Amino acid sequence: MDKILVEVFVPALSQTYDVYIPLTTKLYEVETLLTGAIAELSDGYYAPTRDTVLCERSTGSVLDIGMSAHESGLHHGSRLMLI
């Protein structure tokens, strides 16, 4: 499985995380994994909600979670934001 390294900024924590995500997995699955991992890494300071979204950091545009990372045009070094 091919993976890419992306940067995920979480404004609620003022923290950035470098994570590998699979190219072919749908972003709704990636979002679920990211929120769980970040909640654990932050010792519970980050609490995801049903309204949590994954965005492009530079534009703020919300990613379509029904698409894969590849279909969304993500690549090594993409900068995302989890809000």
N, C-alpha and C. Protein backbone atom coordinates (compact mmCIF):
# COMPACT_ATOMS: atom_id res chain seq x y z
N MET A 1 0.85 -1.18 0.00
CA MET A 1 0.00 0.00 0.00
C MET A 1 0.89 1.24 0.00
N ASP A 2 0.63 2.14 -0.93
CA ASP A 2 1.40 3.37 -1.01
C ASP A 2 0.89 4.36 0.02
N LYS A 3 1.82 5.05 0.66
CA LYS A 3 1.47 6.05 1.66
C LYS A 3 2.18 7.35 1.34
N ILE A 4 1.61 8.45 1.83
CA ILE A 4 2.25 9.75 1.68
C ILE A 4 2.39 10.38 3.05
N LEU A 5 3.41 11.21 3.19
CA LEU A 5 3.64 11.92 4.43
C LEU A 5 3.00 13.30 4.32
N VAL A 6 2.07 13.58 5.23
CA VAL A 6 1.39 14.88 5.23
C VAL A 6 1.56 15.53 6.60
N GLU A 7 1.38 16.83 6.63
CA GLU A 7 1.43 17.60 7.87
C GLU A 7 0.00 17.97 8.25
N VAL A 8 -0.39 17.64 9.48
CA VAL A 8 -1.74 17.94 9.96
C VAL A 8 -1.65 18.92 11.11
N PHE A 9 -2.22 20.10 10.93
CA PHE A 9 -2.25 21.13 11.97
C PHE A 9 -3.60 21.05 12.68
N VAL A 10 -3.55 21.08 14.02
CA VAL A 10 -4.78 21.05 14.82
C VAL A 10 -4.85 22.37 15.58
N PRO A 11 -5.65 23.34 15.09
CA PRO A 11 -5.72 24.65 15.72
C PRO A 11 -6.14 24.61 17.19
N ALA A 12 -7.00 23.67 17.55
CA ALA A 12 -7.47 23.58 18.93
C ALA A 12 -6.32 23.30 19.90
N LEU A 13 -5.24 22.71 19.40
CA LEU A 13 -4.08 22.39 20.23
C LEU A 13 -2.87 23.24 19.90
N SER A 14 -2.94 23.98 18.81
CA SER A 14 -1.78 24.71 18.28
C SER A 14 -0.60 23.76 18.07
N GLN A 15 -0.91 22.57 17.56
CA GLN A 15 0.09 21.53 17.33
C GLN A 15 0.04 21.06 15.88
N THR A 16 1.19 20.64 15.39
CA THR A 16 1.29 20.07 14.05
C THR A 16 1.83 18.65 14.18
N TYR A 17 1.26 17.75 13.41
CA TYR A 17 1.68 16.35 13.42
C TYR A 17 2.03 15.93 12.00
N ASP A 18 3.13 15.19 11.86
CA ASP A 18 3.51 14.60 10.58
C ASP A 18 3.02 13.16 10.60
N VAL A 19 2.19 12.81 9.64
CA VAL A 19 1.62 11.47 9.60
C VAL A 19 1.65 10.90 8.19
N TYR A 20 1.77 9.59 8.13
CA TYR A 20 1.65 8.89 6.85
C TYR A 20 0.20 8.47 6.68
N ILE A 21 -0.36 8.74 5.52
CA ILE A 21 -1.71 8.29 5.22
C ILE A 21 -1.68 7.48 3.92
N PRO A 22 -2.53 6.47 3.83
CA PRO A 22 -2.58 5.66 2.61
C PRO A 22 -3.25 6.43 1.47
N LEU A 23 -2.74 6.25 0.28
CA LEU A 23 -3.27 6.95 -0.89
C LEU A 23 -4.64 6.47 -1.31
N THR A 24 -4.96 5.20 -1.07
CA THR A 24 -6.19 4.64 -1.61
C THR A 24 -7.33 4.53 -0.61
N THR A 25 -7.08 4.80 0.65
CA THR A 25 -8.12 4.74 1.67
C THR A 25 -8.97 6.01 1.61
N LYS A 26 -10.28 5.85 1.76
CA LYS A 26 -11.19 7.01 1.75
C LYS A 26 -10.86 7.93 2.92
N LEU A 27 -11.00 9.22 2.69
CA LEU A 27 -10.62 10.21 3.70
C LEU A 27 -11.48 10.15 4.96
N TYR A 28 -12.70 9.62 4.88
CA TYR A 28 -13.49 9.49 6.10
C TYR A 28 -12.84 8.49 7.06
N GLU A 29 -12.20 7.46 6.53
CA GLU A 29 -11.48 6.50 7.36
C GLU A 29 -10.20 7.14 7.91
N VAL A 30 -9.51 7.89 7.07
CA VAL A 30 -8.30 8.58 7.49
C VAL A 30 -8.63 9.59 8.60
N GLU A 31 -9.71 10.33 8.43
CA GLU A 31 -10.13 11.31 9.43
C GLU A 31 -10.42 10.64 10.77
N THR A 32 -11.09 9.51 10.73
CA THR A 32 -11.39 8.76 11.95
C THR A 32 -10.11 8.31 12.65
N LEU A 33 -9.18 7.80 11.89
CA LEU A 33 -7.90 7.36 12.47
C LEU A 33 -7.12 8.54 13.04
N LEU A 34 -7.09 9.65 12.30
CA LEU A 34 -6.37 10.84 12.76
C LEU A 34 -6.95 11.40 14.05
N THR A 35 -8.28 11.52 14.11
CA THR A 35 -8.89 12.09 15.31
C THR A 35 -8.64 11.22 16.53
N GLY A 36 -8.70 9.91 16.34
CA GLY A 36 -8.42 9.00 17.46
C GLY A 36 -6.98 9.09 17.93
N ALA A 37 -6.06 9.13 16.98
CA ALA A 37 -4.64 9.21 17.33
C ALA A 37 -4.30 10.53 18.01
N ILE A 38 -4.84 11.62 17.49
CA ILE A 38 -4.55 12.94 18.06
C ILE A 38 -5.18 13.08 19.44
N ALA A 39 -6.37 12.54 19.63
CA ALA A 39 -6.99 12.56 20.96
C ALA A 39 -6.10 11.82 21.96
N GLU A 40 -5.55 10.70 21.53
CA GLU A 40 -4.68 9.91 22.41
C GLU A 40 -3.35 10.62 22.66
N LEU A 41 -2.76 11.16 21.61
CA LEU A 41 -1.46 11.84 21.76
C LEU A 41 -1.56 13.11 22.62
N SER A 42 -2.74 13.72 22.62
CA SER A 42 -2.91 14.97 23.38
C SER A 42 -3.42 14.70 24.80
N ASP A 43 -3.43 13.44 25.21
CA ASP A 43 -3.93 13.06 26.53
C ASP A 43 -5.34 13.56 26.78
N GLY A 44 -6.16 13.52 25.74
CA GLY A 44 -7.56 13.88 25.87
C GLY A 44 -7.87 15.35 25.71
N TYR A 45 -6.86 16.20 25.48
CA TYR A 45 -7.13 17.63 25.29
C TYR A 45 -7.87 17.90 23.99
N TYR A 46 -7.67 17.03 23.02
CA TYR A 46 -8.41 17.16 21.76
C TYR A 46 -9.57 16.17 21.80
N ALA A 47 -10.77 16.66 21.65
CA ALA A 47 -11.95 15.80 21.65
C ALA A 47 -12.70 16.02 20.34
N PRO A 48 -12.60 15.08 19.40
CA PRO A 48 -13.29 15.25 18.12
C PRO A 48 -14.80 15.22 18.31
N THR A 49 -15.49 15.90 17.41
CA THR A 49 -16.95 15.90 17.42
C THR A 49 -17.45 15.41 16.07
N ARG A 50 -18.76 15.34 15.92
CA ARG A 50 -19.35 14.94 14.63
C ARG A 50 -19.08 15.99 13.56
N ASP A 51 -18.77 17.21 13.99
CA ASP A 51 -18.54 18.30 13.06
C ASP A 51 -17.07 18.45 12.64
N THR A 52 -16.21 17.57 13.10
CA THR A 52 -14.79 17.63 12.77
C THR A 52 -14.61 17.47 11.26
N VAL A 53 -13.76 18.32 10.67
CA VAL A 53 -13.51 18.25 9.23
C VAL A 53 -12.01 18.32 8.96
N LEU A 54 -11.64 17.76 7.83
CA LEU A 54 -10.26 17.78 7.35
C LEU A 54 -10.20 18.76 6.19
N CYS A 55 -9.31 19.75 6.28
CA CYS A 55 -9.22 20.81 5.27
C CYS A 55 -7.79 20.92 4.74
N GLU A 56 -7.69 21.61 3.61
CA GLU A 56 -6.38 22.04 3.12
C GLU A 56 -5.99 23.25 3.96
N ARG A 57 -4.79 23.26 4.46
CA ARG A 57 -4.40 24.32 5.38
C ARG A 57 -4.27 25.67 4.68
N SER A 58 -3.73 25.70 3.49
CA SER A 58 -3.48 26.97 2.82
C SER A 58 -4.76 27.68 2.35
N THR A 59 -5.76 26.90 1.93
CA THR A 59 -6.98 27.51 1.41
C THR A 59 -8.17 27.42 2.36
N GLY A 60 -8.12 26.48 3.29
CA GLY A 60 -9.24 26.27 4.20
C GLY A 60 -10.37 25.47 3.58
N SER A 61 -10.18 25.01 2.34
CA SER A 61 -11.25 24.26 1.68
C SER A 61 -11.36 22.86 2.30
N VAL A 62 -12.60 22.48 2.58
CA VAL A 62 -12.88 21.19 3.20
C VAL A 62 -12.70 20.09 2.16
N LEU A 63 -11.99 19.02 2.56
CA LEU A 63 -11.77 17.89 1.67
C LEU A 63 -13.01 17.01 1.63
N ASP A 64 -13.28 16.43 0.48
CA ASP A 64 -14.40 15.51 0.31
C ASP A 64 -13.99 14.17 0.92
N ILE A 65 -14.60 13.81 2.05
CA ILE A 65 -14.20 12.60 2.76
C ILE A 65 -14.63 11.33 2.05
N GLY A 66 -15.42 11.45 0.99
CA GLY A 66 -15.81 10.30 0.20
C GLY A 66 -14.77 9.92 -0.84
N MET A 67 -13.73 10.74 -0.95
CA MET A 67 -12.66 10.49 -1.92
C MET A 67 -11.42 9.97 -1.20
N SER A 68 -10.54 9.34 -1.94
CA SER A 68 -9.27 8.90 -1.37
C SER A 68 -8.28 10.07 -1.40
N ALA A 69 -7.16 9.91 -0.74
CA ALA A 69 -6.12 10.94 -0.76
C ALA A 69 -5.65 11.17 -2.19
N HIS A 70 -5.49 10.10 -2.94
CA HIS A 70 -5.05 10.22 -4.34
C HIS A 70 -6.07 10.98 -5.17
N GLU A 71 -7.35 10.63 -5.01
CA GLU A 71 -8.41 11.30 -5.77
C GLU A 71 -8.52 12.77 -5.39
N SER A 72 -8.15 13.11 -4.15
CA SER A 72 -8.22 14.50 -3.68
C SER A 72 -7.01 15.32 -4.10
N GLY A 73 -6.03 14.67 -4.72
CA GLY A 73 -4.84 15.38 -5.17
C GLY A 73 -3.80 15.60 -4.09
N LEU A 74 -3.92 14.88 -2.97
CA LEU A 74 -2.91 15.01 -1.90
C LEU A 74 -1.62 14.33 -2.33
N HIS A 75 -0.52 14.81 -1.82
CA HIS A 75 0.80 14.29 -2.18
C HIS A 75 1.73 14.45 -0.99
N HIS A 76 2.96 13.92 -1.11
CA HIS A 76 3.95 14.09 -0.05
C HIS A 76 4.10 15.59 0.26
N GLY A 77 4.02 15.92 1.53
CA GLY A 77 4.20 17.30 1.92
C GLY A 77 2.93 18.14 1.95
N SER A 78 1.79 17.54 1.61
CA SER A 78 0.53 18.30 1.70
C SER A 78 0.33 18.76 3.13
N ARG A 79 -0.21 19.96 3.26
CA ARG A 79 -0.46 20.54 4.58
C ARG A 79 -1.95 20.60 4.81
N LEU A 80 -2.40 19.88 5.84
CA LEU A 80 -3.82 19.77 6.14
C LEU A 80 -4.11 20.39 7.49
N MET A 81 -5.39 20.56 7.77
CA MET A 81 -5.82 21.12 9.05
C MET A 81 -7.03 20.31 9.50
N LEU A 82 -7.04 19.94 10.78
CA LEU A 82 -8.14 19.19 11.36
C LEU A 82 -8.89 20.10 12.33
N ILE A 83 -10.10 20.49 11.94
CA ILE A 83 -10.86 21.42 12.78
C ILE A 83 -12.24 20.85 13.10
